[in-house]
Every structure is written in structure tokens, then in C-alpha cells.
């Protein structure tokens, strides 16, 4: 994992086919109510419709090789969707909305 000002900026994972995939970290945040940490990340390659897939996970920022954990609750997904909405409004490629 690469760090930028103490924050993870990118990392690599091996997919099911044994291929190494580079991911860019779009944002990390801590949910104040639970102390859980979340990461939104993407490989930044558009699909056939021009959309870029964004993935979300929980993780422990105190571990350098942190395991990416699944999002398990609907409440957590709602928090992630709110963050994604904010990020989309600030998309530098589309200008401010």
C-alpha cells in the first residue's frame, strides 16, 4: 500500500485469476458512532457504459497490511451512499454540481 500524507493512496490486490489489480483509494472515513473505518476505492477503469466501479469496505488503519472487510449493515451502506453522493458532486471531471 502506498501512503500520501499518512493516508493510503493506492494498493494492489490479486484477483481470482491471479492477476494483480491496482486500486486507487478515493476516500477513507471513520464513523463516529461506532469507531469503524471505511474505505472507498476503484481501479478507475470505465465499463462498457463509461461508468467507473467504486468498491467499499471496512478496514483497520492501524495495520499496514489491513484486511479488507465486507460492509454488513444497511446503516453502513446508507453512510457510504451519502459519502459517494458528496464525492460525485465534487467530481473534478464534471465540475461542481
C-alpha atoms as a PDB file:
ATOM      1  CA  UNK A   1       0.000   0.000   0.000  1.00  0.00           C
ATOM      2  CA  UNK A   2       1.269   3.453  -0.874  1.00  0.00           C
ATOM      3  CA  UNK A   3       0.780   6.325   1.543  1.00  0.00           C
ATOM      4  CA  UNK A   4       0.181  10.008   0.883  1.00  0.00           C
ATOM      5  CA  UNK A   5       0.466  12.288   3.939  1.00  0.00           C
ATOM      6  CA  UNK A   6      -0.197   9.345   6.267  1.00  0.00           C
ATOM      7  CA  UNK A   7      -3.191   8.166   4.245  1.00  0.00           C
ATOM      8  CA  UNK A   8      -3.299   5.144   1.960  1.00  0.00           C
ATOM      9  CA  UNK A   9      -3.415   6.390  -1.651  1.00  0.00           C
ATOM     10  CA  UNK A  10      -3.295   3.104  -3.570  1.00  0.00           C
ATOM     11  CA  UNK A  11      -2.890  -0.631  -3.140  1.00  0.00           C
ATOM     12  CA  UNK A  12      -2.733  -3.851  -5.132  1.00  0.00           C
ATOM     13  CA  UNK A  13      -4.844  -6.984  -4.854  1.00  0.00           C
ATOM     14  CA  UNK A  14      -4.653 -10.338  -6.612  1.00  0.00           C
ATOM     15  CA  UNK A  15      -7.952 -11.319  -8.233  1.00  0.00           C
ATOM     16  CA  UNK A  16      -9.366 -14.850  -8.621  1.00  0.00           C
ATOM     17  CA  UNK A  17      -7.465 -15.248 -11.915  1.00  0.00           C
ATOM     18  CA  UNK A  18      -4.130 -14.471 -10.241  1.00  0.00           C
ATOM     19  CA  UNK A  19      -3.902 -11.042 -11.876  1.00  0.00           C
ATOM     20  CA  UNK A  20      -2.565  -8.103  -9.882  1.00  0.00           C
ATOM     21  CA  UNK A  21      -5.024  -5.195  -9.882  1.00  0.00           C
ATOM     22  CA  UNK A  22      -4.070  -1.637  -8.854  1.00  0.00           C
ATOM     23  CA  UNK A  23      -6.674   0.293  -6.886  1.00  0.00           C
ATOM     24  CA  UNK A  24      -6.808   3.982  -6.023  1.00  0.00           C
ATOM     25  CA  UNK A  25      -8.243   4.980  -2.663  1.00  0.00           C
ATOM     26  CA  UNK A  26     -10.948   7.576  -3.247  1.00  0.00           C
ATOM     27  CA  UNK A  27     -11.582   8.319   0.406  1.00  0.00           C
ATOM     28  CA  UNK A  28     -11.417   6.910   3.894  1.00  0.00           C
ATOM     29  CA  UNK A  29     -13.581   7.866   6.833  1.00  0.00           C
ATOM     30  CA  UNK A  30     -14.368   6.867  10.387  1.00  0.00           C
ATOM     31  CA  UNK A  31     -17.943   6.505  11.524  1.00  0.00           C
ATOM     32  CA  UNK A  32     -18.025   8.468  14.783  1.00  0.00           C
ATOM     33  CA  UNK A  33     -20.833   6.413  16.358  1.00  0.00           C
ATOM     34  CA  UNK A  34     -19.008   3.088  16.044  1.00  0.00           C
ATOM     35  CA  UNK A  35     -15.337   3.968  15.521  1.00  0.00           C
ATOM     36  CA  UNK A  36     -15.341   1.720  12.423  1.00  0.00           C
ATOM     37  CA  UNK A  37     -13.152   2.810   9.497  1.00  0.00           C
ATOM     38  CA  UNK A  38     -14.245   2.605   5.877  1.00  0.00           C
ATOM     39  CA  UNK A  39     -12.511   2.881   2.527  1.00  0.00           C
ATOM     40  CA  UNK A  40     -13.934   3.680  -0.908  1.00  0.00           C
ATOM     41  CA  UNK A  41     -11.679   2.576  -3.756  1.00  0.00           C
ATOM     42  CA  UNK A  42     -11.658   1.987  -7.504  1.00  0.00           C
ATOM     43  CA  UNK A  43      -9.458   0.624 -10.247  1.00  0.00           C
ATOM     44  CA  UNK A  44     -10.538   3.678 -12.286  1.00  0.00           C
ATOM     45  CA  UNK A  45     -11.300   1.847 -15.484  1.00  0.00           C
ATOM     46  CA  UNK A  46     -14.647   2.548 -17.139  1.00  0.00           C
ATOM     47  CA  UNK A  47     -17.011  -0.280 -18.045  1.00  0.00           C
ATOM     48  CA  UNK A  48     -18.772  -0.606 -21.407  1.00  0.00           C
ATOM     49  CA  UNK A  49     -21.198   2.173 -20.361  1.00  0.00           C
ATOM     50  CA  UNK A  50     -18.452   4.562 -19.298  1.00  0.00           C
ATOM     51  CA  UNK A  51     -19.137   4.090 -15.584  1.00  0.00           C
ATOM     52  CA  UNK A  52     -16.346   3.500 -13.085  1.00  0.00           C
ATOM     53  CA  UNK A  53     -16.950   0.885 -10.392  1.00  0.00           C
ATOM     54  CA  UNK A  54     -16.407   2.001  -6.816  1.00  0.00           C
ATOM     55  CA  UNK A  55     -15.924  -0.540  -4.041  1.00  0.00           C
ATOM     56  CA  UNK A  56     -16.381  -0.101  -0.296  1.00  0.00           C
ATOM     57  CA  UNK A  57     -15.007  -1.975   2.682  1.00  0.00           C
ATOM     58  CA  UNK A  58     -14.247  -1.730   6.376  1.00  0.00           C
ATOM     59  CA  UNK A  59     -10.589  -1.809   7.418  1.00  0.00           C
ATOM     60  CA  UNK A  60      -8.243  -1.202  10.350  1.00  0.00           C
ATOM     61  CA  UNK A  61      -5.964   1.770   9.524  1.00  0.00           C
ATOM     62  CA  UNK A  62      -3.534   0.825  12.300  1.00  0.00           C
ATOM     63  CA  UNK A  63      -2.490  -2.291  10.369  1.00  0.00           C
ATOM     64  CA  UNK A  64      -0.228  -1.633   7.341  1.00  0.00           C
ATOM     65  CA  UNK A  65      -1.458  -4.756   5.519  1.00  0.00           C
ATOM     66  CA  UNK A  66      -5.034  -4.387   6.679  1.00  0.00           C
ATOM     67  CA  UNK A  67      -7.590  -6.960   5.653  1.00  0.00           C
ATOM     68  CA  UNK A  68     -10.481  -5.509   3.644  1.00  0.00           C
ATOM     69  CA  UNK A  69     -13.688  -6.467   5.423  1.00  0.00           C
ATOM     70  CA  UNK A  70     -17.207  -6.543   3.967  1.00  0.00           C
ATOM     71  CA  UNK A  71     -19.883  -3.957   4.720  1.00  0.00           C
ATOM     72  CA  UNK A  72     -22.508  -5.842   6.686  1.00  0.00           C
ATOM     73  CA  UNK A  73     -25.295  -3.472   7.718  1.00  0.00           C
ATOM     74  CA  UNK A  74     -27.839  -1.413   5.816  1.00  0.00           C
ATOM     75  CA  UNK A  75     -26.975   1.552   8.057  1.00  0.00           C
ATOM     76  CA  UNK A  76     -23.332   1.337   6.942  1.00  0.00           C
ATOM     77  CA  UNK A  77     -24.396   1.184   3.278  1.00  0.00           C
ATOM     78  CA  UNK A  78     -26.527   4.320   3.785  1.00  0.00           C
ATOM     79  CA  UNK A  79     -23.489   6.137   5.239  1.00  0.00           C
ATOM     80  CA  UNK A  80     -21.368   5.036   2.282  1.00  0.00           C
ATOM     81  CA  UNK A  81     -24.012   6.156  -0.206  1.00  0.00           C
ATOM     82  CA  UNK A  82     -24.074   9.596   1.433  1.00  0.00           C
ATOM     83  CA  UNK A  83     -20.290   9.876   1.086  1.00  0.00           C
ATOM     84  CA  UNK A  84     -20.491   8.760  -2.568  1.00  0.00           C
ATOM     85  CA  UNK A  85     -23.125  11.418  -3.245  1.00  0.00           C
ATOM     86  CA  UNK A  86     -20.806  14.099  -1.853  1.00  0.00           C
ATOM     87  CA  UNK A  87     -17.866  12.773  -3.897  1.00  0.00           C
ATOM     88  CA  UNK A  88     -19.940  12.762  -7.094  1.00  0.00           C
ATOM     89  CA  UNK A  89     -20.972  16.383  -6.540  1.00  0.00           C
ATOM     90  CA  UNK A  90     -17.275  17.287  -6.225  1.00  0.00           C
ATOM     91  CA  UNK A  91     -16.104  15.236  -9.221  1.00  0.00           C
ATOM     92  CA  UNK A  92     -13.343  17.355 -10.812  1.00  0.00           C
ATOM     93  CA  UNK A  93     -14.047  15.848 -14.237  1.00  0.00           C
ATOM     94  CA  UNK A  94     -17.629  17.035 -14.256  1.00  0.00           C
ATOM     95  CA  UNK A  95     -17.220  20.328 -12.377  1.00  0.00           C
ATOM     96  CA  UNK A  96     -19.148  21.388  -9.295  1.00  0.00           C
ATOM     97  CA  UNK A  97     -22.819  20.463  -9.286  1.00  0.00           C
END
